[in-house]
Amino acid sequence: SEQRPPRRRTERVRKERQSYLTALVLEQRAAARAKRARRNSRRGRPPRSPPAHHDSASDEARKLNRPRCGPAKPAKPVVEPEMPDEEEEDMFAGCTKERLELYATILADINRKLCSQLFQQQL
């Protein structure tokens, strides 16, 4: 006399595992469709008159004879704007002698550090 659990009134619904491959295929198809739509999007000015009929032979001949893009334009040389000749102002004219000595010391220190770094990079 085995004890069996009572039977369930309703059967369990088995959930089917979702296939990731179908989702992947759908994504790829959507991406391809979007890419085609981007490639075929008509940009620019619409044609003047819609063509009444398509003659494939004349279309191909027209495509073959037409240059892909216009003639190459020579690049314009870069012209730098001329600066008006101004006399250089002495920035240190109003400084005291002590301040000038301080600037000289600081600049000498910076110069020494830069020269030592440049020398180390060249080795």
N, C-alpha and C. Protein backbone atom coordinates (compact mmCIF):
# COMPACT_ATOMS: atom_id res chain seq x y z
N SER A 1 0.83 -1.16 0.00
CA SER A 1 0.00 0.00 0.00
C SER A 1 0.88 1.24 0.00
N GLU A 2 1.14 1.69 -1.24
CA GLU A 2 2.00 2.87 -1.42
C GLU A 2 1.16 4.13 -1.31
N GLN A 3 1.76 5.12 -0.72
CA GLN A 3 1.09 6.41 -0.62
C GLN A 3 1.41 7.23 -1.86
N ARG A 4 0.42 7.47 -2.68
CA ARG A 4 0.61 8.31 -3.85
C ARG A 4 0.00 9.68 -3.56
N PRO A 5 0.68 10.73 -4.06
CA PRO A 5 0.08 12.05 -3.87
C PRO A 5 -1.23 12.14 -4.64
N PRO A 6 -2.17 12.89 -4.13
CA PRO A 6 -3.44 12.99 -4.84
C PRO A 6 -3.24 13.59 -6.23
N ARG A 7 -4.06 13.09 -7.17
CA ARG A 7 -3.94 13.57 -8.54
C ARG A 7 -4.35 15.03 -8.65
N ARG A 8 -3.63 15.76 -9.49
CA ARG A 8 -3.99 17.16 -9.70
C ARG A 8 -5.24 17.24 -10.55
N ARG A 9 -6.04 18.23 -10.26
CA ARG A 9 -7.24 18.41 -11.07
C ARG A 9 -6.91 18.92 -12.46
N THR A 10 -5.92 19.83 -12.51
CA THR A 10 -5.53 20.38 -13.81
C THR A 10 -4.09 19.98 -14.08
N GLU A 11 -3.84 19.68 -15.32
CA GLU A 11 -2.48 19.31 -15.71
C GLU A 11 -1.62 20.57 -15.77
N ARG A 12 -0.34 20.38 -15.49
CA ARG A 12 0.57 21.52 -15.60
C ARG A 12 0.79 21.85 -17.06
N VAL A 13 0.82 23.13 -17.34
CA VAL A 13 1.08 23.58 -18.70
C VAL A 13 2.59 23.66 -18.87
N ARG A 14 3.08 22.92 -19.84
CA ARG A 14 4.52 22.96 -20.08
C ARG A 14 4.84 24.18 -20.92
N LYS A 15 5.73 25.01 -20.40
CA LYS A 15 6.13 26.19 -21.15
C LYS A 15 7.20 25.79 -22.14
N GLU A 16 7.00 26.19 -23.36
CA GLU A 16 8.01 25.87 -24.37
C GLU A 16 9.11 26.91 -24.29
N ARG A 17 10.31 26.42 -24.40
CA ARG A 17 11.45 27.31 -24.36
C ARG A 17 11.48 28.13 -25.64
N GLN A 18 11.70 29.42 -25.49
CA GLN A 18 11.72 30.28 -26.67
C GLN A 18 13.02 30.07 -27.41
N SER A 19 12.93 29.92 -28.71
CA SER A 19 14.12 29.67 -29.51
C SER A 19 14.80 31.00 -29.80
N TYR A 20 16.06 31.11 -29.38
CA TYR A 20 16.76 32.36 -29.63
C TYR A 20 17.15 32.48 -31.09
N LEU A 21 17.20 31.35 -31.79
CA LEU A 21 17.58 31.41 -33.21
C LEU A 21 16.53 32.13 -34.03
N THR A 22 15.25 31.90 -33.75
CA THR A 22 14.23 32.59 -34.53
C THR A 22 14.29 34.09 -34.29
N ALA A 23 14.54 34.48 -33.03
CA ALA A 23 14.66 35.91 -32.74
C ALA A 23 15.86 36.49 -33.47
N LEU A 24 16.95 35.72 -33.51
CA LEU A 24 18.16 36.19 -34.19
C LEU A 24 17.90 36.35 -35.68
N VAL A 25 17.22 35.37 -36.28
CA VAL A 25 16.91 35.45 -37.71
C VAL A 25 16.02 36.65 -37.99
N LEU A 26 15.03 36.87 -37.13
CA LEU A 26 14.14 38.02 -37.33
C LEU A 26 14.91 39.33 -37.22
N GLU A 27 15.84 39.42 -36.26
CA GLU A 27 16.66 40.63 -36.12
C GLU A 27 17.50 40.85 -37.36
N GLN A 28 18.11 39.77 -37.88
CA GLN A 28 18.95 39.90 -39.06
C GLN A 28 18.13 40.35 -40.26
N ARG A 29 16.93 39.79 -40.40
CA ARG A 29 16.08 40.20 -41.52
C ARG A 29 15.69 41.67 -41.40
N ALA A 30 15.36 42.10 -40.19
CA ALA A 30 14.98 43.50 -39.98
C ALA A 30 16.15 44.42 -40.28
N ALA A 31 17.36 44.01 -39.86
CA ALA A 31 18.55 44.83 -40.12
C ALA A 31 18.82 44.91 -41.61
N ALA A 32 18.68 43.78 -42.32
CA ALA A 32 18.91 43.78 -43.76
C ALA A 32 17.88 44.66 -44.46
N ARG A 33 16.62 44.59 -44.01
CA ARG A 33 15.57 45.41 -44.60
C ARG A 33 15.86 46.89 -44.39
N ALA A 34 16.30 47.24 -43.18
CA ALA A 34 16.62 48.64 -42.89
C ALA A 34 17.80 49.11 -43.72
N LYS A 35 18.79 48.23 -43.90
CA LYS A 35 19.96 48.59 -44.70
C LYS A 35 19.56 48.84 -46.14
N ARG A 36 18.69 47.96 -46.68
CA ARG A 36 18.22 48.16 -48.06
C ARG A 36 17.45 49.46 -48.18
N ALA A 37 16.62 49.75 -47.19
CA ALA A 37 15.83 50.98 -47.23
C ALA A 37 16.73 52.20 -47.20
N ARG A 38 17.80 52.12 -46.38
CA ARG A 38 18.74 53.25 -46.32
C ARG A 38 19.46 53.42 -47.65
N ARG A 39 19.84 52.29 -48.25
CA ARG A 39 20.59 52.34 -49.50
C ARG A 39 19.73 52.89 -50.62
N ASN A 40 18.44 52.52 -50.61
CA ASN A 40 17.56 52.90 -51.70
C ASN A 40 16.82 54.21 -51.45
N SER A 41 17.08 54.85 -50.32
CA SER A 41 16.35 56.08 -50.05
C SER A 41 16.71 57.12 -51.10
N ARG A 42 15.70 57.77 -51.60
CA ARG A 42 15.94 58.75 -52.66
C ARG A 42 16.26 60.08 -52.01
N ARG A 43 17.45 60.56 -52.27
CA ARG A 43 17.87 61.83 -51.71
C ARG A 43 18.03 62.84 -52.83
N GLY A 44 17.98 64.10 -52.45
CA GLY A 44 18.24 65.15 -53.42
C GLY A 44 16.98 65.56 -54.17
N ARG A 45 17.20 66.18 -55.30
CA ARG A 45 16.11 66.73 -56.09
C ARG A 45 15.38 65.60 -56.83
N PRO A 46 14.05 65.61 -56.84
CA PRO A 46 13.33 64.58 -57.59
C PRO A 46 13.49 64.82 -59.09
N PRO A 47 13.30 63.81 -59.90
CA PRO A 47 13.44 63.99 -61.35
C PRO A 47 12.42 64.99 -61.88
N ARG A 48 12.79 65.69 -62.97
CA ARG A 48 11.91 66.74 -63.51
C ARG A 48 10.60 66.16 -64.01
N SER A 49 10.69 65.14 -64.82
CA SER A 49 9.47 64.50 -65.30
C SER A 49 9.61 63.01 -65.09
N PRO A 50 8.59 62.37 -64.56
CA PRO A 50 8.70 60.94 -64.35
C PRO A 50 8.81 60.21 -65.68
N PRO A 51 9.72 59.25 -65.80
CA PRO A 51 9.87 58.55 -67.07
C PRO A 51 8.62 57.73 -67.39
N ALA A 52 8.17 57.84 -68.63
CA ALA A 52 6.95 57.17 -69.05
C ALA A 52 7.16 55.66 -69.16
N HIS A 53 8.29 55.25 -69.72
CA HIS A 53 8.57 53.82 -69.85
C HIS A 53 10.05 53.60 -69.59
N HIS A 54 10.37 52.40 -69.19
CA HIS A 54 11.76 52.05 -68.90
C HIS A 54 12.29 51.18 -70.01
N ASP A 55 13.30 51.68 -70.67
CA ASP A 55 13.99 50.89 -71.68
C ASP A 55 15.33 50.50 -71.07
N SER A 56 15.47 49.24 -70.70
CA SER A 56 16.66 48.82 -69.95
C SER A 56 17.94 49.04 -70.74
N ALA A 57 17.91 48.86 -72.05
CA ALA A 57 19.12 49.03 -72.85
C ALA A 57 19.57 50.49 -72.83
N SER A 58 18.62 51.42 -72.98
CA SER A 58 19.00 52.83 -72.99
C SER A 58 19.44 53.29 -71.60
N ASP A 59 18.81 52.73 -70.55
CA ASP A 59 19.21 53.07 -69.18
C ASP A 59 20.64 52.64 -68.92
N GLU A 60 20.99 51.42 -69.35
CA GLU A 60 22.36 50.92 -69.13
C GLU A 60 23.37 51.75 -69.91
N ALA A 61 23.02 52.11 -71.14
CA ALA A 61 23.93 52.92 -71.95
C ALA A 61 24.13 54.29 -71.31
N ARG A 62 23.04 54.86 -70.79
CA ARG A 62 23.14 56.17 -70.15
C ARG A 62 24.03 56.09 -68.91
N LYS A 63 23.89 55.00 -68.13
CA LYS A 63 24.70 54.84 -66.94
C LYS A 63 26.18 54.69 -67.28
N LEU A 64 26.46 53.97 -68.37
CA LEU A 64 27.86 53.74 -68.75
C LEU A 64 28.52 55.02 -69.24
N ASN A 65 27.78 55.87 -69.94
CA ASN A 65 28.37 57.08 -70.51
C ASN A 65 28.50 58.21 -69.50
N ARG A 66 27.74 58.15 -68.43
CA ARG A 66 27.72 59.25 -67.46
C ARG A 66 28.89 59.12 -66.49
N PRO A 67 29.64 60.20 -66.25
CA PRO A 67 30.70 60.12 -65.24
C PRO A 67 30.08 59.96 -63.85
N ARG A 68 30.81 59.28 -62.99
CA ARG A 68 30.28 58.98 -61.66
C ARG A 68 30.07 60.26 -60.84
N CYS A 69 30.99 61.17 -60.93
CA CYS A 69 30.83 62.44 -60.25
C CYS A 69 31.46 63.53 -61.11
N GLY A 70 31.27 64.75 -60.74
CA GLY A 70 31.76 65.87 -61.53
C GLY A 70 33.28 65.92 -61.57
N PRO A 71 33.83 66.81 -62.41
CA PRO A 71 35.29 66.92 -62.49
C PRO A 71 35.87 67.39 -61.17
N ALA A 72 37.05 66.90 -60.88
CA ALA A 72 37.69 67.25 -59.61
C ALA A 72 38.10 68.72 -59.64
N LYS A 73 37.76 69.43 -58.59
CA LYS A 73 38.13 70.85 -58.50
C LYS A 73 39.46 70.95 -57.77
N PRO A 74 40.35 71.80 -58.27
CA PRO A 74 41.63 71.94 -57.56
C PRO A 74 41.41 72.57 -56.19
N ALA A 75 42.16 72.10 -55.22
CA ALA A 75 42.02 72.61 -53.87
C ALA A 75 42.55 74.03 -53.80
N LYS A 76 41.82 74.88 -53.08
CA LYS A 76 42.27 76.26 -52.94
C LYS A 76 43.41 76.31 -51.94
N PRO A 77 44.46 77.07 -52.24
CA PRO A 77 45.55 77.16 -51.28
C PRO A 77 45.08 77.91 -50.03
N VAL A 78 45.56 77.47 -48.90
CA VAL A 78 45.18 78.09 -47.64
C VAL A 78 45.93 79.41 -47.50
N VAL A 79 45.16 80.48 -47.38
CA VAL A 79 45.76 81.80 -47.25
C VAL A 79 45.57 82.26 -45.82
N GLU A 80 46.68 82.51 -45.15
CA GLU A 80 46.59 83.00 -43.78
C GLU A 80 46.34 84.50 -43.80
N PRO A 81 45.44 84.96 -42.96
CA PRO A 81 45.19 86.41 -42.93
C PRO A 81 46.43 87.14 -42.42
N GLU A 82 46.73 88.23 -43.08
CA GLU A 82 47.92 88.99 -42.69
C GLU A 82 47.63 89.77 -41.42
N MET A 83 48.55 89.68 -40.49
CA MET A 83 48.40 90.41 -39.24
C MET A 83 48.99 91.80 -39.44
N PRO A 84 48.30 92.81 -38.97
CA PRO A 84 48.87 94.15 -39.10
C PRO A 84 50.14 94.25 -38.24
N ASP A 85 51.12 94.92 -38.81
CA ASP A 85 52.38 95.06 -38.08
C ASP A 85 52.17 95.96 -36.87
N GLU A 86 52.28 95.35 -35.72
CA GLU A 86 52.15 96.11 -34.48
C GLU A 86 53.48 96.05 -33.76
N GLU A 87 53.80 97.15 -33.16
CA GLU A 87 55.04 97.15 -32.38
C GLU A 87 54.80 96.33 -31.13
N GLU A 88 55.80 95.52 -30.77
CA GLU A 88 55.66 94.69 -29.58
C GLU A 88 55.69 95.56 -28.34
N GLU A 89 54.74 95.30 -27.45
CA GLU A 89 54.71 96.03 -26.20
C GLU A 89 55.60 95.31 -25.20
N ASP A 90 56.26 96.06 -24.38
CA ASP A 90 57.08 95.46 -23.32
C ASP A 90 56.14 95.14 -22.17
N MET A 91 55.87 93.83 -21.99
CA MET A 91 54.92 93.42 -20.96
C MET A 91 55.47 93.66 -19.57
N PHE A 92 56.79 93.71 -19.44
CA PHE A 92 57.40 93.82 -18.12
C PHE A 92 57.83 95.25 -17.79
N ALA A 93 57.33 96.22 -18.57
CA ALA A 93 57.77 97.60 -18.36
C ALA A 93 57.35 98.12 -16.98
N GLY A 94 56.18 97.71 -16.51
CA GLY A 94 55.69 98.24 -15.24
C GLY A 94 56.05 97.39 -14.03
N CYS A 95 56.89 96.35 -14.21
CA CYS A 95 57.22 95.46 -13.09
C CYS A 95 58.40 95.99 -12.28
N THR A 96 58.41 95.63 -11.02
CA THR A 96 59.53 96.02 -10.17
C THR A 96 60.72 95.10 -10.43
N LYS A 97 61.91 95.52 -9.94
CA LYS A 97 63.13 94.76 -10.16
C LYS A 97 63.04 93.38 -9.49
N GLU A 98 62.46 93.33 -8.29
CA GLU A 98 62.32 92.05 -7.58
C GLU A 98 61.41 91.09 -8.35
N ARG A 99 60.33 91.63 -8.90
CA ARG A 99 59.39 90.79 -9.66
C ARG A 99 60.08 90.25 -10.91
N LEU A 100 60.89 91.09 -11.59
CA LEU A 100 61.61 90.64 -12.79
C LEU A 100 62.59 89.53 -12.44
N GLU A 101 63.28 89.64 -11.30
CA GLU A 101 64.21 88.58 -10.88
C GLU A 101 63.45 87.29 -10.59
N LEU A 102 62.26 87.40 -9.99
CA LEU A 102 61.44 86.22 -9.71
C LEU A 102 61.02 85.54 -11.01
N TYR A 103 60.57 86.33 -12.00
CA TYR A 103 60.19 85.77 -13.30
C TYR A 103 61.38 85.08 -13.96
N ALA A 104 62.55 85.71 -13.91
CA ALA A 104 63.74 85.13 -14.53
C ALA A 104 64.08 83.79 -13.88
N THR A 105 63.97 83.72 -12.55
CA THR A 105 64.27 82.47 -11.84
C THR A 105 63.27 81.38 -12.23
N ILE A 106 61.99 81.73 -12.27
CA ILE A 106 60.95 80.74 -12.62
C ILE A 106 61.15 80.25 -14.05
N LEU A 107 61.40 81.17 -14.98
CA LEU A 107 61.59 80.78 -16.38
C LEU A 107 62.84 79.91 -16.54
N ALA A 108 63.91 80.22 -15.83
CA ALA A 108 65.12 79.40 -15.90
C ALA A 108 64.84 77.99 -15.40
N ASP A 109 64.06 77.88 -14.32
CA ASP A 109 63.72 76.56 -13.76
C ASP A 109 62.88 75.76 -14.75
N ILE A 110 61.88 76.40 -15.35
CA ILE A 110 61.03 75.72 -16.34
C ILE A 110 61.87 75.28 -17.53
N ASN A 111 62.75 76.15 -17.99
CA ASN A 111 63.61 75.85 -19.14
C ASN A 111 64.51 74.65 -18.83
N ARG A 112 65.07 74.62 -17.62
CA ARG A 112 65.94 73.50 -17.23
C ARG A 112 65.16 72.19 -17.24
N LYS A 113 63.94 72.20 -16.70
CA LYS A 113 63.12 70.98 -16.66
C LYS A 113 62.76 70.50 -18.07
N LEU A 114 62.38 71.44 -18.93
CA LEU A 114 62.03 71.07 -20.30
C LEU A 114 63.23 70.48 -21.04
N CYS A 115 64.39 71.11 -20.89
CA CYS A 115 65.58 70.61 -21.58
C CYS A 115 65.95 69.21 -21.09
N SER A 116 65.81 68.96 -19.79
CA SER A 116 66.15 67.63 -19.27
C SER A 116 65.15 66.59 -19.79
N GLN A 117 63.88 66.95 -19.93
CA GLN A 117 62.89 66.00 -20.46
C GLN A 117 63.15 65.72 -21.93
N LEU A 118 63.44 66.75 -22.71
CA LEU A 118 63.70 66.56 -24.13
C LEU A 118 64.95 65.71 -24.33
N PHE A 119 65.96 65.90 -23.50
CA PHE A 119 67.19 65.13 -23.62
C PHE A 119 66.90 63.66 -23.32
N GLN A 120 66.07 63.38 -22.32
CA GLN A 120 65.76 61.99 -21.97
C GLN A 120 64.94 61.32 -23.06
N GLN A 121 64.08 62.05 -23.76
CA GLN A 121 63.27 61.46 -24.82
C GLN A 121 64.13 61.06 -26.01
N GLN A 122 65.20 61.80 -26.29
CA GLN A 122 66.02 61.52 -27.47
C GLN A 122 66.91 60.31 -27.28
N LEU A 123 67.18 59.91 -26.05
CA LEU A 123 68.07 58.76 -25.80
C LEU A 123 67.47 57.46 -26.22
